[in-house]
Amino acid sequence: MKMKLKTAAAAVAIALGLSALAPSAPVQAQEQLTKLRVGYIPVGIYAYLWRARDAGYFKDEKIEVELVVMAGGGQIIPALQSGALHFGISDALGVLNARNGGIPVTYVSFNFQQTTKAPVHAVLSMDPDIKTPADLKGKSVATNLSFNTDWTMMREWLRKNNVDPKTVTFREIPFPDMLPALRNKTVAAVGAVEPFVTFGKEQGANILGYYFTDVKSPNVLSGVVAMLPYVEKNKDVVQRFLRAINRAIDDFQDPKVARATIAANTKIPPAVIEKMNLGEWSKNVPPETMQFWVDAAKKEGIVNATADLNGLVWQGK
């Protein structure tokens, strides 16, 4: 795993042409504008990054952020390792996988959860013959990446519905490409996230279940990560970055602000933004909530060692 991540890290650096950025070097003078590259998925879950930028919170902290669109933690963590990014988003299993491979990545903010009252992930199908999870036996199902929270939770959701994951073929499809894949019958079902869940419903997709919250609610799954050596050498930069996104998370306690932020940064129709579920953001999610993901990863054979949960979240704030 360690070698694969190092190889992926090199590939990302070459592709982006950014290895010279070397964010491991300490940032000097606070008075100067600190330029940061942050990897993320452009969906509502991570809209606090848009809010921190648009509301001037990064600017108040003398930070200029470039948001880099990527598929998920499986791509973002190698980019952090290579020096192509300073910060990025990742689900819990992205961090557990990396730590298991000896990669010193850490959460600086573990901040998002969803509940049965407002689930943001759902299993969608447009095949009229697929009405229940049992109908997925022998079919292809897509998640955005493999061996991440989506992939793991999809497998757990199938088991919960008495479907052996071994009878299902898993494919990787980025969230924005999932609905076209359903229409083209590339796959029988997808594990989608908002706003694509709401888009799918409007396009006639059938919801087979909410594969995260059907298994566990509340379900804490993601946040912002960085490489620990960078964090330790640049504590002031990390603290300023966190202050900015925490102000955005405070703002998002009012759903209207979150919806307005999503509207300002996407081409999603206002009616869809109003209908879509948002989930919940918090600045102080306890590290022990990650135990669920440790147990799930062990069940899948992704990790074997017992994780130091407190060690997965940076405590030097």
Protein backbone atom coordinates (compact mmCIF):
# COMPACT_ATOMS: atom_id res chain seq x y z
CA MET A 1 0.00 0.00 0.00
CA LYS A 2 2.85 2.35 0.89
CA MET A 3 4.54 1.81 -2.45
CA LYS A 4 1.29 2.30 -4.36
CA LEU A 5 0.64 5.62 -2.62
CA LYS A 6 4.18 6.80 -3.30
CA THR A 7 3.82 5.87 -6.96
CA ALA A 8 0.47 7.62 -7.16
CA ALA A 9 1.94 10.65 -5.46
CA ALA A 10 4.68 10.92 -8.07
CA ALA A 11 2.17 10.56 -10.88
CA VAL A 12 -0.01 13.32 -9.48
CA ALA A 13 2.95 15.63 -9.10
CA ILE A 14 4.03 15.05 -12.70
CA ALA A 15 0.49 15.43 -14.05
CA LEU A 16 -0.09 18.68 -12.24
CA GLY A 17 3.42 19.94 -12.83
CA LEU A 18 3.54 21.11 -9.26
CA SER A 19 6.23 19.12 -7.49
CA ALA A 20 8.28 22.27 -7.17
CA LEU A 21 5.68 23.71 -4.80
CA ALA A 22 7.09 21.57 -1.98
CA PRO A 23 4.59 22.64 0.70
CA SER A 24 6.69 20.84 3.31
CA ALA A 25 8.85 23.96 3.51
CA PRO A 26 7.72 26.32 6.30
CA VAL A 27 5.86 29.41 5.21
CA GLN A 28 7.67 32.52 6.37
CA ALA A 29 6.34 35.99 7.18
CA GLN A 30 2.72 36.00 8.20
CA GLU A 31 2.38 39.47 6.75
CA GLN A 32 2.76 38.07 3.25
CA LEU A 33 -0.13 36.41 1.45
CA THR A 34 0.10 32.65 1.94
CA LYS A 35 -0.92 30.76 -1.19
CA LEU A 36 -2.42 27.33 -0.63
CA ARG A 37 -3.70 24.60 -2.93
CA VAL A 38 -6.60 22.57 -1.57
CA GLY A 39 -7.96 19.42 -3.20
CA TYR A 40 -11.70 18.83 -2.94
CA ILE A 41 -14.83 17.42 -4.58
CA PRO A 42 -17.15 20.23 -5.78
CA VAL A 43 -20.27 19.02 -3.94
CA GLY A 44 -22.34 20.48 -1.11
CA ILE A 45 -20.54 18.52 1.61
CA TYR A 46 -17.43 20.65 1.06
CA ALA A 47 -19.19 23.96 0.39
CA TYR A 48 -17.61 25.46 3.52
CA LEU A 49 -14.46 25.91 1.42
CA TRP A 50 -16.44 28.06 -1.00
CA ARG A 51 -17.95 30.01 1.90
CA ALA A 52 -14.57 30.67 3.52
CA ARG A 53 -13.28 32.01 0.21
CA ASP A 54 -16.36 33.98 -0.87
CA ALA A 55 -17.00 35.56 2.53
CA GLY A 56 -13.40 36.74 2.71
CA TYR A 57 -12.46 34.54 5.67
CA PHE A 58 -9.34 33.24 3.94
CA LYS A 59 -8.41 36.77 2.97
CA ASP A 60 -8.86 37.91 6.58
CA GLU A 61 -6.25 35.32 7.52
CA LYS A 62 -3.92 36.51 4.74
CA ILE A 63 -4.49 33.31 2.79
CA GLU A 64 -5.16 32.84 -0.90
CA VAL A 65 -6.67 29.44 -1.67
CA GLU A 66 -6.77 27.66 -5.01
CA LEU A 67 -9.40 24.90 -4.94
CA VAL A 68 -8.38 21.92 -7.07
CA VAL A 69 -11.09 19.52 -8.21
CA MET A 70 -10.23 15.86 -7.63
CA ALA A 71 -12.14 12.57 -7.32
CA GLY A 72 -11.61 11.99 -3.60
CA GLY A 73 -9.17 11.18 -0.82
CA GLY A 74 -7.65 8.32 -2.83
CA GLN A 75 -6.25 10.92 -5.24
CA ILE A 76 -5.86 13.79 -2.82
CA ILE A 77 -3.66 12.06 -0.26
CA PRO A 78 -1.01 11.07 -2.86
CA ALA A 79 -1.09 14.67 -4.09
CA LEU A 80 -0.48 15.89 -0.54
CA GLN A 81 2.37 13.43 -0.20
CA SER A 82 3.99 14.60 -3.43
CA GLY A 83 3.74 18.27 -2.49
CA ALA A 84 1.16 19.10 -5.18
CA LEU A 85 -1.37 20.13 -2.52
CA HIS A 86 -1.17 21.69 0.95
CA PHE A 87 -4.59 20.59 2.22
CA GLY A 88 -7.37 18.41 0.91
CA ILE A 89 -10.58 16.65 1.83
CA SER A 90 -10.72 12.97 2.63
CA ASP A 91 -13.13 10.44 4.02
CA ALA A 92 -12.15 8.45 7.10
CA LEU A 93 -10.98 5.39 5.19
CA GLY A 94 -8.67 7.49 3.04
CA VAL A 95 -6.83 8.49 6.20
CA LEU A 96 -6.91 4.98 7.70
CA ASN A 97 -5.61 3.49 4.43
CA ALA A 98 -2.78 5.99 4.26
CA ARG A 99 -1.77 5.51 7.89
CA ASN A 100 -1.86 1.75 7.38
CA GLY A 101 0.60 2.25 4.51
CA GLY A 102 2.93 4.40 6.60
CA ILE A 103 1.83 7.71 5.11
CA PRO A 104 1.71 10.41 7.85
CA VAL A 105 -1.54 12.12 6.91
CA THR A 106 -3.70 13.70 9.60
CA TYR A 107 -7.07 15.36 9.92
CA VAL A 108 -6.91 19.03 10.80
CA SER A 109 -10.71 19.22 10.75
CA PHE A 110 -13.06 16.22 11.01
CA ASN A 111 -16.32 18.00 10.43
CA PHE A 112 -19.17 16.41 8.43
CA GLN A 113 -21.94 13.95 9.25
CA GLN A 114 -25.34 12.89 7.94
CA THR A 115 -28.39 11.39 9.63
CA THR A 116 -31.55 9.53 8.64
CA LYS A 117 -33.38 12.86 8.79
CA ALA A 118 -31.14 14.34 6.09
CA PRO A 119 -29.11 11.70 4.22
CA VAL A 120 -26.85 12.97 1.46
CA HIS A 121 -25.93 9.59 -0.07
CA ALA A 122 -28.36 7.23 -1.81
CA VAL A 123 -28.36 4.17 -4.07
CA LEU A 124 -30.01 5.06 -7.39
CA SER A 125 -31.14 2.94 -10.32
CA MET A 126 -32.96 3.68 -13.57
CA ASP A 127 -33.51 0.05 -14.47
CA PRO A 128 -37.27 -0.70 -14.13
CA ASP A 129 -36.45 -4.30 -13.26
CA ILE A 130 -34.42 -3.26 -10.22
CA LYS A 131 -36.81 -2.43 -7.40
CA THR A 132 -35.01 -3.71 -4.31
CA PRO A 133 -31.42 -4.34 -3.21
CA ALA A 134 -31.95 -8.06 -3.89
CA ASP A 135 -32.29 -7.22 -7.59
CA LEU A 136 -28.65 -6.08 -7.66
CA LYS A 137 -27.32 -9.65 -7.48
CA GLY A 138 -25.25 -10.29 -10.59
CA LYS A 139 -25.30 -6.58 -11.53
CA SER A 140 -22.74 -3.76 -11.65
CA VAL A 141 -22.79 -1.02 -9.03
CA ALA A 142 -20.66 2.13 -9.03
CA THR A 143 -19.06 4.13 -6.25
CA ASN A 144 -16.81 7.14 -6.79
CA LEU A 145 -13.67 5.25 -5.70
CA SER A 146 -12.75 1.82 -4.37
CA PHE A 147 -11.75 1.05 -0.77
CA ASN A 148 -13.12 4.36 0.50
CA THR A 149 -16.12 5.10 2.72
CA ASP A 150 -18.58 4.91 -0.20
CA TRP A 151 -17.29 1.53 -1.38
CA THR A 152 -17.15 0.14 2.15
CA MET A 153 -20.60 1.42 3.11
CA MET A 154 -22.14 0.15 -0.12
CA ARG A 155 -20.87 -3.32 0.71
CA GLU A 156 -22.18 -3.09 4.27
CA TRP A 157 -25.54 -1.85 2.99
CA LEU A 158 -25.76 -4.82 0.61
CA ARG A 159 -25.05 -7.22 3.48
CA LYS A 160 -27.69 -5.51 5.59
CA ASN A 161 -30.13 -6.25 2.77
CA ASN A 162 -29.03 -9.90 2.51
CA VAL A 163 -27.01 -9.39 -0.67
CA ASP A 164 -23.52 -10.90 -0.74
CA PRO A 165 -21.14 -8.19 -2.08
CA LYS A 166 -19.31 -10.96 -3.95
CA THR A 167 -22.36 -11.29 -6.22
CA VAL A 168 -22.04 -7.63 -7.27
CA THR A 169 -19.45 -6.13 -9.65
CA PHE A 170 -18.09 -2.83 -8.33
CA ARG A 171 -16.99 -0.04 -10.67
CA GLU A 172 -15.44 3.39 -10.12
CA ILE A 173 -17.34 6.35 -11.61
CA PRO A 174 -16.93 10.00 -10.47
CA PHE A 175 -20.09 11.46 -8.95
CA PRO A 176 -20.84 13.84 -11.87
CA ASP A 177 -20.72 10.93 -14.34
CA MET A 178 -22.99 8.58 -12.42
CA LEU A 179 -26.37 9.63 -13.81
CA PRO A 180 -25.17 9.42 -17.45
CA ALA A 181 -23.80 5.95 -16.61
CA LEU A 182 -27.25 4.93 -15.38
CA ARG A 183 -28.95 6.31 -18.49
CA ASN A 184 -26.44 4.51 -20.72
CA LYS A 185 -26.88 1.30 -18.71
CA THR A 186 -23.15 1.17 -18.00
CA VAL A 187 -24.08 0.13 -14.47
CA ALA A 188 -27.31 -0.98 -12.84
CA ALA A 189 -27.01 1.26 -9.77
CA VAL A 190 -24.81 3.97 -8.31
CA GLY A 191 -23.95 5.27 -4.89
CA ALA A 192 -24.64 8.96 -5.46
CA VAL A 193 -24.23 12.04 -3.29
CA GLU A 194 -26.20 15.29 -3.27
CA PRO A 195 -27.00 17.14 -5.47
CA PHE A 196 -26.90 14.13 -7.81
CA VAL A 197 -29.39 12.27 -5.61
CA THR A 198 -31.96 15.02 -6.14
CA PHE A 199 -31.06 15.32 -9.83
CA GLY A 200 -31.51 11.57 -10.17
CA LYS A 201 -34.93 11.62 -8.57
CA GLU A 202 -36.02 14.37 -10.96
CA GLN A 203 -34.73 12.31 -13.90
CA GLY A 204 -36.75 9.28 -12.88
CA ALA A 205 -34.21 7.33 -10.85
CA ASN A 206 -35.50 5.01 -8.16
CA ILE A 207 -33.98 5.25 -4.68
CA LEU A 208 -33.18 1.75 -3.45
CA GLY A 209 -31.95 3.00 -0.09
CA TYR A 210 -29.71 5.44 1.74
CA TYR A 211 -26.59 3.36 1.99
CA PHE A 212 -24.82 5.40 4.66
CA THR A 213 -27.58 6.20 7.13
CA ASP A 214 -29.43 2.90 6.60
CA VAL A 215 -26.34 1.30 8.15
CA LYS A 216 -25.47 3.91 10.79
CA SER A 217 -26.94 7.24 11.85
CA PRO A 218 -25.48 9.69 12.63
CA ASN A 219 -22.60 8.88 10.33
CA VAL A 220 -19.45 11.00 10.50
CA LEU A 221 -17.32 10.54 7.43
CA SER A 222 -15.05 13.35 6.25
CA GLY A 223 -13.03 16.49 6.78
CA VAL A 224 -9.82 18.32 5.83
CA VAL A 225 -6.43 16.59 5.91
CA ALA A 226 -2.76 17.48 5.50
CA MET A 227 0.60 15.77 5.83
CA LEU A 228 1.74 15.75 9.46
CA PRO A 229 5.29 16.98 8.72
CA TYR A 230 3.81 19.99 6.90
CA VAL A 231 1.39 20.65 9.75
CA GLU A 232 4.11 20.54 12.40
CA LYS A 233 6.35 22.91 10.43
CA ASN A 234 3.53 25.33 9.56
CA LYS A 235 1.34 25.45 12.66
CA ASP A 236 0.52 29.11 12.18
CA VAL A 237 -0.67 28.53 8.60
CA VAL A 238 -2.80 25.58 9.72
CA GLN A 239 -4.36 27.59 12.54
CA ARG A 240 -5.21 30.46 10.19
CA PHE A 241 -6.66 28.06 7.64
CA LEU A 242 -8.77 26.41 10.34
CA ARG A 243 -10.03 29.72 11.69
CA ALA A 244 -11.29 30.57 8.22
CA ILE A 245 -13.14 27.29 7.58
CA ASN A 246 -14.51 27.23 11.13
CA ARG A 247 -16.13 30.61 10.52
CA ALA A 248 -17.73 29.10 7.43
CA ILE A 249 -18.92 26.08 9.41
CA ASP A 250 -20.44 28.45 11.98
CA ASP A 251 -22.29 30.19 9.14
CA PHE A 252 -23.61 26.85 7.88
CA GLN A 253 -25.56 26.32 11.07
CA ASP A 254 -28.06 28.40 9.10
CA PRO A 255 -29.04 26.15 6.15
CA LYS A 256 -29.99 29.21 4.11
CA VAL A 257 -26.34 30.29 4.07
CA ALA A 258 -25.22 26.84 2.96
CA ARG A 259 -27.80 26.73 0.16
CA ALA A 260 -26.91 30.26 -0.98
CA THR A 261 -23.22 29.28 -1.08
CA ILE A 262 -23.94 26.22 -3.19
CA ALA A 263 -26.11 28.32 -5.52
CA ALA A 264 -23.34 30.88 -5.98
CA ASN A 265 -20.73 28.27 -6.88
CA THR A 266 -22.61 25.79 -9.05
CA LYS A 267 -25.05 25.72 -11.93
CA ILE A 268 -27.53 23.67 -9.92
CA PRO A 269 -31.08 24.98 -10.45
CA PRO A 270 -32.48 26.83 -7.40
CA ALA A 271 -35.34 24.33 -7.09
CA VAL A 272 -32.87 21.45 -6.74
CA ILE A 273 -30.76 23.31 -4.19
CA GLU A 274 -33.87 23.96 -2.13
CA LYS A 275 -34.87 20.27 -2.17
CA MET A 276 -31.48 18.62 -1.66
CA ASN A 277 -30.37 17.39 1.76
CA LEU A 278 -27.34 19.13 3.22
CA GLY A 279 -26.12 17.02 6.13
CA GLU A 280 -24.53 18.61 9.18
CA TRP A 281 -21.20 20.33 9.90
CA SER A 282 -19.44 20.58 13.24
CA LYS A 283 -16.09 22.01 14.38
CA ASN A 284 -15.56 19.55 17.23
CA VAL A 285 -16.36 16.01 16.11
CA PRO A 286 -14.82 13.56 18.65
CA PRO A 287 -12.08 11.37 17.12
CA GLU A 288 -13.68 8.25 18.64
CA THR A 289 -16.51 8.53 16.11
CA MET A 290 -14.00 7.07 13.65
CA GLN A 291 -14.13 3.72 15.44
CA PHE A 292 -16.99 2.68 13.18
CA TRP A 293 -14.72 3.11 10.16
CA VAL A 294 -11.85 1.25 11.81
CA ASP A 295 -14.17 -1.70 12.43
CA ALA A 296 -15.57 -1.51 8.89
CA ALA A 297 -12.08 -1.38 7.39
CA LYS A 298 -11.02 -4.44 9.38
CA LYS A 299 -14.06 -6.34 8.14
CA GLU A 300 -13.04 -5.59 4.55
CA GLY A 301 -9.40 -6.43 5.20
CA ILE A 302 -8.33 -2.87 4.41
CA VAL A 303 -6.55 -2.38 7.74
CA ASN A 304 -5.43 -4.86 10.36
CA ALA A 305 -3.79 -2.78 13.08
CA THR A 306 -5.68 -0.99 15.83
CA ALA A 307 -5.68 2.73 15.11
CA ASP A 308 -4.86 5.48 17.61
CA LEU A 309 -8.00 7.50 16.96
CA ASN A 310 -6.77 10.60 18.77
CA GLY A 311 -3.63 10.42 16.65
CA LEU A 312 -5.69 10.67 13.45
CA VAL A 313 -6.84 14.20 14.29
CA TRP A 314 -4.25 16.94 14.82
CA GLN A 315 -4.44 18.25 18.38
CA GLY A 316 -2.15 21.26 18.05
CA LYS A 317 -4.84 23.84 17.36
